[in-house]
PDB file of all heavy atoms in Angstrom:
ATOM      1  N   ILE A   1       7.752 -15.641   2.163  1.00  0.00           N
ATOM      2  CA  ILE A   1       7.809 -14.195   1.940  1.00  0.00           C
ATOM      3  C   ILE A   1       8.262 -13.467   3.200  1.00  0.00           C
ATOM      4  O   ILE A   1       9.138 -12.593   3.156  1.00  0.00           O
ATOM      5  CB  ILE A   1       6.438 -13.677   1.469  1.00  0.00           C
ATOM      6  CG1 ILE A   1       6.174 -14.141   0.028  1.00  0.00           C
ATOM      7  CG2 ILE A   1       6.377 -12.150   1.545  1.00  0.00           C
ATOM      8  CD1 ILE A   1       4.734 -13.958  -0.411  1.00  0.00           C
ATOM      9  N   VAL A   2       7.670 -13.809   4.354  1.00  0.00           N
ATOM     10  CA  VAL A   2       8.023 -13.059   5.575  1.00  0.00           C
ATOM     11  C   VAL A   2       9.450 -13.358   6.023  1.00  0.00           C
ATOM     12  O   VAL A   2      10.047 -12.595   6.779  1.00  0.00           O
ATOM     13  CB  VAL A   2       7.024 -13.315   6.724  1.00  0.00           C
ATOM     14  CG1 VAL A   2       5.630 -12.880   6.330  1.00  0.00           C
ATOM     15  CG2 VAL A   2       7.039 -14.760   7.188  1.00  0.00           C
ATOM     16  N   ASN A   3      10.005 -14.483   5.551  1.00  0.00           N
ATOM     17  CA  ASN A   3      11.399 -14.796   5.867  1.00  0.00           C
ATOM     18  C   ASN A   3      12.378 -14.178   4.873  1.00  0.00           C
ATOM     19  O   ASN A   3      13.589 -14.317   5.027  1.00  0.00           O
ATOM     20  CB  ASN A   3      11.597 -16.314   5.916  1.00  0.00           C
ATOM     21  CG  ASN A   3      11.132 -16.905   7.229  1.00  0.00           C
ATOM     22  OD1 ASN A   3      11.686 -16.584   8.280  1.00  0.00           O
ATOM     23  ND2 ASN A   3      10.109 -17.736   7.182  1.00  0.00           N
ATOM     24  N   ASP A   4      11.862 -13.529   3.837  1.00  0.00           N
ATOM     25  CA  ASP A   4      12.684 -12.888   2.811  1.00  0.00           C
ATOM     26  C   ASP A   4      12.598 -11.382   3.044  1.00  0.00           C
ATOM     27  O   ASP A   4      11.632 -10.732   2.668  1.00  0.00           O
ATOM     28  CB  ASP A   4      12.136 -13.271   1.434  1.00  0.00           C
ATOM     29  CG  ASP A   4      12.945 -12.681   0.288  1.00  0.00           C
ATOM     30  OD1 ASP A   4      13.594 -11.634   0.491  1.00  0.00           O
ATOM     31  OD2 ASP A   4      12.906 -13.259  -0.817  1.00  0.00           O
ATOM     32  N   ARG A   5      13.612 -10.819   3.693  1.00  0.00           N
ATOM     33  CA  ARG A   5      13.513  -9.428   4.148  1.00  0.00           C
ATOM     34  C   ARG A   5      13.234  -8.435   3.020  1.00  0.00           C
ATOM     35  O   ARG A   5      12.369  -7.569   3.167  1.00  0.00           O
ATOM     36  CB  ARG A   5      14.777  -9.028   4.917  1.00  0.00           C
ATOM     37  CG  ARG A   5      14.873  -9.691   6.278  1.00  0.00           C
ATOM     38  CD  ARG A   5      16.179  -9.387   6.975  1.00  0.00           C
ATOM     39  NE  ARG A   5      16.292  -7.977   7.333  1.00  0.00           N
ATOM     40  CZ  ARG A   5      15.789  -7.450   8.452  1.00  0.00           C
ATOM     41  NH1 ARG A   5      15.110  -8.201   9.296  1.00  0.00           N
ATOM     42  NH2 ARG A   5      15.957  -6.172   8.719  1.00  0.00           N
ATOM     43  N   PRO A   6      13.917  -8.514   1.875  1.00  0.00           N
ATOM     44  CA  PRO A   6      13.601  -7.549   0.808  1.00  0.00           C
ATOM     45  C   PRO A   6      12.142  -7.610   0.365  1.00  0.00           C
ATOM     46  O   PRO A   6      11.513  -6.574   0.144  1.00  0.00           O
ATOM     47  CB  PRO A   6      14.553  -7.965  -0.327  1.00  0.00           C
ATOM     48  CG  PRO A   6      15.695  -8.632   0.367  1.00  0.00           C
ATOM     49  CD  PRO A   6      15.074  -9.362   1.519  1.00  0.00           C
ATOM     50  N   ARG A   7      11.607  -8.826   0.249  1.00  0.00           N
ATOM     51  CA  ARG A   7      10.199  -8.939  -0.171  1.00  0.00           C
ATOM     52  C   ARG A   7       9.267  -8.460   0.941  1.00  0.00           C
ATOM     53  O   ARG A   7       8.290  -7.745   0.686  1.00  0.00           O
ATOM     54  CB  ARG A   7       9.867 -10.381  -0.550  1.00  0.00           C
ATOM     55  CG  ARG A   7      10.434 -10.771  -1.897  1.00  0.00           C
ATOM     56  CD  ARG A   7       9.698 -11.958  -2.493  1.00  0.00           C
ATOM     57  NE  ARG A   7      10.006 -13.206  -1.807  1.00  0.00           N
ATOM     58  CZ  ARG A   7       9.392 -14.354  -2.056  1.00  0.00           C
ATOM     59  NH1 ARG A   7       8.433 -14.425  -2.948  1.00  0.00           N
ATOM     60  NH2 ARG A   7       9.739 -15.445  -1.404  1.00  0.00           N
ATOM     61  N   ALA A   8       9.562  -8.838   2.182  1.00  0.00           N
ATOM     62  CA  ALA A   8       8.711  -8.426   3.303  1.00  0.00           C
ATOM     63  C   ALA A   8       8.694  -6.906   3.442  1.00  0.00           C
ATOM     64  O   ALA A   8       7.640  -6.302   3.682  1.00  0.00           O
ATOM     65  CB  ALA A   8       9.200  -9.078   4.596  1.00  0.00           C
ATOM     66  N   PHE A   9       9.851  -6.264   3.281  1.00  0.00           N
ATOM     67  CA  PHE A   9       9.914  -4.804   3.362  1.00  0.00           C
ATOM     68  C   PHE A   9       9.047  -4.167   2.279  1.00  0.00           C
ATOM     69  O   PHE A   9       8.372  -3.155   2.512  1.00  0.00           O
ATOM     70  CB  PHE A   9      11.358  -4.307   3.211  1.00  0.00           C
ATOM     71  CG  PHE A   9      12.155  -4.348   4.497  1.00  0.00           C
ATOM     72  CD1 PHE A   9      13.459  -4.815   4.506  1.00  0.00           C
ATOM     73  CD2 PHE A   9      11.604  -3.909   5.693  1.00  0.00           C
ATOM     74  CE1 PHE A   9      14.203  -4.846   5.682  1.00  0.00           C
ATOM     75  CE2 PHE A   9      12.341  -3.933   6.868  1.00  0.00           C
ATOM     76  CZ  PHE A   9      13.646  -4.413   6.871  1.00  0.00           C
ATOM     77  N   ARG A  10       9.077  -4.746   1.083  1.00  0.00           N
ATOM     78  CA  ARG A  10       8.295  -4.160  -0.014  1.00  0.00           C
ATOM     79  C   ARG A  10       6.794  -4.325   0.225  1.00  0.00           C
ATOM     80  O   ARG A  10       6.022  -3.402  -0.049  1.00  0.00           O
ATOM     81  CB  ARG A  10       8.726  -4.780  -1.353  1.00  0.00           C
ATOM     82  CG  ARG A  10      10.013  -4.127  -1.876  1.00  0.00           C
ATOM     83  CD  ARG A  10      10.716  -4.913  -2.943  1.00  0.00           C
ATOM     84  NE  ARG A  10      11.867  -4.166  -3.437  1.00  0.00           N
ATOM     85  CZ  ARG A  10      13.027  -4.057  -2.792  1.00  0.00           C
ATOM     86  NH1 ARG A  10      13.190  -4.663  -1.611  1.00  0.00           N
ATOM     87  NH2 ARG A  10      14.030  -3.343  -3.303  1.00  0.00           N
ATOM     88  N   LEU A  11       6.400  -5.462   0.749  1.00  0.00           N
ATOM     89  CA  LEU A  11       4.987  -5.636   1.062  1.00  0.00           C
ATOM     90  C   LEU A  11       4.537  -4.645   2.128  1.00  0.00           C
ATOM     91  O   LEU A  11       3.451  -4.066   2.032  1.00  0.00           O
ATOM     92  CB  LEU A  11       4.714  -7.069   1.525  1.00  0.00           C
ATOM     93  CG  LEU A  11       4.778  -8.156   0.464  1.00  0.00           C
ATOM     94  CD1 LEU A  11       4.406  -9.499   1.082  1.00  0.00           C
ATOM     95  CD2 LEU A  11       3.839  -7.849  -0.688  1.00  0.00           C
ATOM     96  N   LEU A  12       5.359  -4.455   3.127  1.00  0.00           N
ATOM     97  CA  LEU A  12       5.021  -3.508   4.186  1.00  0.00           C
ATOM     98  C   LEU A  12       4.922  -2.090   3.627  1.00  0.00           C
ATOM     99  O   LEU A  12       4.012  -1.329   3.968  1.00  0.00           O
ATOM    100  CB  LEU A  12       6.079  -3.580   5.289  1.00  0.00           C
ATOM    101  CG  LEU A  12       5.779  -2.860   6.600  1.00  0.00           C
ATOM    102  CD1 LEU A  12       4.445  -3.294   7.182  1.00  0.00           C
ATOM    103  CD2 LEU A  12       6.904  -3.112   7.607  1.00  0.00           C
ATOM    104  N   LYS A  13       5.837  -1.758   2.712  1.00  0.00           N
ATOM    105  CA  LYS A  13       5.816  -0.423   2.096  1.00  0.00           C
ATOM    106  C   LYS A  13       4.540  -0.237   1.255  1.00  0.00           C
ATOM    107  O   LYS A  13       3.922   0.826   1.269  1.00  0.00           O
ATOM    108  CB  LYS A  13       7.062  -0.264   1.223  1.00  0.00           C
ATOM    109  CG  LYS A  13       7.284   1.150   0.700  1.00  0.00           C
ATOM    110  CD  LYS A  13       8.539   1.756   1.291  1.00  0.00           C
ATOM    111  CE  LYS A  13       8.690   3.222   0.878  1.00  0.00           C
ATOM    112  NZ  LYS A  13       8.941   3.424  -0.541  1.00  0.00           N
ATOM    113  N   ILE A  14       4.146  -1.280   0.521  1.00  0.00           N
ATOM    114  CA  ILE A  14       2.933  -1.181  -0.286  1.00  0.00           C
ATOM    115  C   ILE A  14       1.707  -1.069   0.617  1.00  0.00           C
ATOM    116  O   ILE A  14       0.784  -0.291   0.333  1.00  0.00           O
ATOM    117  CB  ILE A  14       2.818  -2.383  -1.243  1.00  0.00           C
ATOM    118  CG1 ILE A  14       3.841  -2.231  -2.377  1.00  0.00           C
ATOM    119  CG2 ILE A  14       1.414  -2.500  -1.820  1.00  0.00           C
ATOM    120  CD1 ILE A  14       3.934  -3.405  -3.296  1.00  0.00           C
ATOM    121  N   ALA A  15       1.675  -1.836   1.706  1.00  0.00           N
ATOM    122  CA  ALA A  15       0.538  -1.754   2.628  1.00  0.00           C
ATOM    123  C   ALA A  15       0.409  -0.337   3.194  1.00  0.00           C
ATOM    124  O   ALA A  15      -0.695   0.214   3.277  1.00  0.00           O
ATOM    125  CB  ALA A  15       0.706  -2.771   3.755  1.00  0.00           C
ATOM    126  N   ARG A  16       1.535   0.260   3.553  1.00  0.00           N
ATOM    127  CA  ARG A  16       1.497   1.631   4.066  1.00  0.00           C
ATOM    128  C   ARG A  16       1.091   2.611   2.971  1.00  0.00           C
ATOM    129  O   ARG A  16       0.342   3.559   3.213  1.00  0.00           O
ATOM    130  CB  ARG A  16       2.871   2.004   4.634  1.00  0.00           C
ATOM    131  CG  ARG A  16       3.173   1.299   5.949  1.00  0.00           C
ATOM    132  CD  ARG A  16       4.579   1.581   6.428  1.00  0.00           C
ATOM    133  NE  ARG A  16       4.837   0.957   7.718  1.00  0.00           N
ATOM    134  CZ  ARG A  16       6.046   0.693   8.197  1.00  0.00           C
ATOM    135  NH1 ARG A  16       7.122   1.002   7.475  1.00  0.00           N
ATOM    136  NH2 ARG A  16       6.192   0.129   9.378  1.00  0.00           N
ATOM    137  N   SER A  17       1.575   2.372   1.763  1.00  0.00           N
ATOM    138  CA  SER A  17       1.220   3.228   0.639  1.00  0.00           C
ATOM    139  C   SER A  17      -0.275   3.170   0.376  1.00  0.00           C
ATOM    140  O   SER A  17      -0.923   4.194   0.108  1.00  0.00           O
ATOM    141  CB  SER A  17       1.999   2.796  -0.607  1.00  0.00           C
ATOM    142  OG  SER A  17       1.514   3.410  -1.763  1.00  0.00           O
ATOM    143  N   ALA A  18      -0.855   1.976   0.473  1.00  0.00           N
ATOM    144  CA  ALA A  18      -2.297   1.830   0.256  1.00  0.00           C
ATOM    145  C   ALA A  18      -3.081   2.618   1.301  1.00  0.00           C
ATOM    146  O   ALA A  18      -4.120   3.217   0.998  1.00  0.00           O
ATOM    147  CB  ALA A  18      -2.686   0.352   0.291  1.00  0.00           C
ATOM    148  N   ASP A  19      -2.583   2.633   2.528  1.00  0.00           N
ATOM    149  CA  ASP A  19      -3.238   3.424   3.577  1.00  0.00           C
ATOM    150  C   ASP A  19      -3.176   4.919   3.271  1.00  0.00           C
ATOM    151  O   ASP A  19      -4.106   5.667   3.578  1.00  0.00           O
ATOM    152  CB  ASP A  19      -2.566   3.165   4.933  1.00  0.00           C
ATOM    153  CG  ASP A  19      -2.929   1.803   5.509  1.00  0.00           C
ATOM    154  OD1 ASP A  19      -3.940   1.226   5.071  1.00  0.00           O
ATOM    155  OD2 ASP A  19      -2.205   1.325   6.397  1.00  0.00           O
ATOM    156  N   GLU A  20      -2.060   5.339   2.672  1.00  0.00           N
ATOM    157  CA  GLU A  20      -1.853   6.774   2.416  1.00  0.00           C
ATOM    158  C   GLU A  20      -2.572   7.247   1.157  1.00  0.00           C
ATOM    159  O   GLU A  20      -3.013   8.394   1.079  1.00  0.00           O
ATOM    160  CB  GLU A  20      -0.347   7.059   2.276  1.00  0.00           C
ATOM    161  CG  GLU A  20       0.431   6.868   3.575  1.00  0.00           C
ATOM    162  CD  GLU A  20       1.934   6.784   3.347  1.00  0.00           C
ATOM    163  OE1 GLU A  20       2.370   6.944   2.177  1.00  0.00           O
ATOM    164  OE2 GLU A  20       2.675   6.544   4.318  1.00  0.00           O
ATOM    165  N   GLU A  21      -2.676   6.366   0.166  1.00  0.00           N
ATOM    166  CA  GLU A  21      -3.211   6.768  -1.148  1.00  0.00           C
ATOM    167  C   GLU A  21      -4.726   6.568  -1.227  1.00  0.00           C
ATOM    168  O   GLU A  21      -5.238   5.979  -2.176  1.00  0.00           O
ATOM    169  CB  GLU A  21      -2.512   5.970  -2.260  1.00  0.00           C
ATOM    170  CG  GLU A  21      -1.024   6.218  -2.388  1.00  0.00           C
ATOM    171  CD  GLU A  21      -0.710   7.602  -2.953  1.00  0.00           C
ATOM    172  OE1 GLU A  21      -1.551   8.153  -3.681  1.00  0.00           O
ATOM    173  OE2 GLU A  21       0.378   8.104  -2.667  1.00  0.00           O
ATOM    174  N   THR A  22      -5.435   7.048  -0.234  1.00  0.00           N
ATOM    175  CA  THR A  22      -6.882   6.872  -0.265  1.00  0.00           C
ATOM    176  C   THR A  22      -7.498   7.721  -1.381  1.00  0.00           C
ATOM    177  O   THR A  22      -6.989   8.789  -1.722  1.00  0.00           O
ATOM    178  CB  THR A  22      -7.512   7.252   1.086  1.00  0.00           C
ATOM    179  OG1 THR A  22      -7.128   8.585   1.414  1.00  0.00           O
ATOM    180  CG2 THR A  22      -7.057   6.309   2.180  1.00  0.00           C
ATOM    181  N   VAL A  23      -8.594   7.228  -1.922  1.00  0.00           N
ATOM    182  CA  VAL A  23      -9.257   7.908  -3.045  1.00  0.00           C
ATOM    183  C   VAL A  23     -10.694   8.305  -2.680  1.00  0.00           C
ATOM    184  O   VAL A  23     -11.460   8.724  -3.545  1.00  0.00           O
ATOM    185  CB  VAL A  23      -9.280   7.008  -4.301  1.00  0.00           C
ATOM    186  CG1 VAL A  23      -7.870   6.723  -4.792  1.00  0.00           C
ATOM    187  CG2 VAL A  23     -10.010   5.689  -4.016  1.00  0.00           C
ATOM    188  N   THR A  24     -11.019   8.216  -1.403  1.00  0.00           N
ATOM    189  CA  THR A  24     -12.401   8.427  -0.954  1.00  0.00           C
ATOM    190  C   THR A  24     -13.013   9.697  -1.530  1.00  0.00           C
ATOM    191  O   THR A  24     -14.110   9.683  -2.086  1.00  0.00           O
ATOM    192  CB  THR A  24     -12.446   8.480   0.586  1.00  0.00           C
ATOM    193  OG1 THR A  24     -11.709   7.374   1.105  1.00  0.00           O
ATOM    194  CG2 THR A  24     -13.881   8.397   1.087  1.00  0.00           C
ATOM    195  N   GLU A  25     -12.288  10.812  -1.403  1.00  0.00           N
ATOM    196  CA  GLU A  25     -12.848  12.103  -1.807  1.00  0.00           C
ATOM    197  C   GLU A  25     -12.852  12.297  -3.325  1.00  0.00           C
ATOM    198  O   GLU A  25     -13.470  13.234  -3.825  1.00  0.00           O
ATOM    199  CB  GLU A  25     -12.063  13.247  -1.139  1.00  0.00           C
ATOM    200  CG  GLU A  25     -12.073  13.212   0.381  1.00  0.00           C
ATOM    201  CD  GLU A  25     -13.483  13.194   0.966  1.00  0.00           C
ATOM    202  OE1 GLU A  25     -14.361  13.897   0.416  1.00  0.00           O
ATOM    203  OE2 GLU A  25     -13.721  12.471   1.954  1.00  0.00           O
ATOM    204  N   GLN A  26     -12.171  11.429  -4.061  1.00  0.00           N
ATOM    205  CA  GLN A  26     -12.096  11.565  -5.520  1.00  0.00           C
ATOM    206  C   GLN A  26     -13.059  10.647  -6.257  1.00  0.00           C
ATOM    207  O   GLN A  26     -13.200  10.737  -7.486  1.00  0.00           O
ATOM    208  CB  GLN A  26     -10.657  11.283  -5.990  1.00  0.00           C
ATOM    209  CG  GLN A  26      -9.614  12.229  -5.416  1.00  0.00           C
ATOM    210  CD  GLN A  26      -8.208  11.650  -5.546  1.00  0.00           C
ATOM    211  OE1 GLN A  26      -7.774  10.838  -4.739  1.00  0.00           O
ATOM    212  NE2 GLN A  26      -7.520  12.053  -6.603  1.00  0.00           N
ATOM    213  N   LEU A  27     -13.733   9.772  -5.527  1.00  0.00           N
ATOM    214  CA  LEU A  27     -14.571   8.767  -6.187  1.00  0.00           C
ATOM    215  C   LEU A  27     -15.694   9.387  -6.998  1.00  0.00           C
ATOM    216  O   LEU A  27     -16.133   8.805  -7.996  1.00  0.00           O
ATOM    217  CB  LEU A  27     -15.136   7.791  -5.148  1.00  0.00           C
ATOM    218  CG  LEU A  27     -14.112   6.866  -4.484  1.00  0.00           C
ATOM    219  CD1 LEU A  27     -14.766   6.065  -3.362  1.00  0.00           C
ATOM    220  CD2 LEU A  27     -13.471   5.923  -5.498  1.00  0.00           C
ATOM    221  N   SER A  28     -16.149  10.558  -6.620  1.00  0.00           N
ATOM    222  CA  SER A  28     -17.241  11.209  -7.354  1.00  0.00           C
ATOM    223  C   SER A  28     -16.825  11.581  -8.778  1.00  0.00           C
ATOM    224  O   SER A  28     -17.676  11.835  -9.634  1.00  0.00           O
ATOM    225  CB  SER A  28     -17.705  12.463  -6.604  1.00  0.00           C
ATOM    226  OG  SER A  28     -16.638  13.382  -6.477  1.00  0.00           O
ATOM    227  N   GLN A  29     -15.501  11.598  -9.045  1.00  0.00           N
ATOM    228  CA  GLN A  29     -15.009  11.923 -10.391  1.00  0.00           C
ATOM    229  C   GLN A  29     -15.115  10.730 -11.343  1.00  0.00           C
ATOM    230  O   GLN A  29     -14.987  10.900 -12.558  1.00  0.00           O
ATOM    231  CB  GLN A  29     -13.545  12.366 -10.322  1.00  0.00           C
ATOM    232  CG  GLN A  29     -13.282  13.579  -9.447  1.00  0.00           C
ATOM    233  CD  GLN A  29     -11.785  13.821  -9.267  1.00  0.00           C
ATOM    234  OE1 GLN A  29     -10.977  13.501 -10.140  1.00  0.00           O
ATOM    235  NE2 GLN A  29     -11.408  14.378  -8.124  1.00  0.00           N
ATOM    236  N   LEU A  30     -15.308   9.538 -10.788  1.00  0.00           N
ATOM    237  CA  LEU A  30     -15.255   8.316 -11.597  1.00  0.00           C
ATOM    238  C   LEU A  30     -16.671   7.965 -12.049  1.00  0.00           C
ATOM    239  O   LEU A  30     -17.388   7.214 -11.383  1.00  0.00           O
ATOM    240  CB  LEU A  30     -14.630   7.177 -10.795  1.00  0.00           C
ATOM    241  CG  LEU A  30     -13.167   7.416 -10.399  1.00  0.00           C
ATOM    242  CD1 LEU A  30     -12.667   6.305  -9.490  1.00  0.00           C
ATOM    243  CD2 LEU A  30     -12.281   7.536 -11.633  1.00  0.00           C
TER     244      LEU A  30
END
């Protein structure tokens, strides 16, 4: 995976997205 640039880029993008899409303040709605 890390040697496959398109896949590695997508994993990095998802990891960053997970950092940005926090749900901490919304958990009380669930």
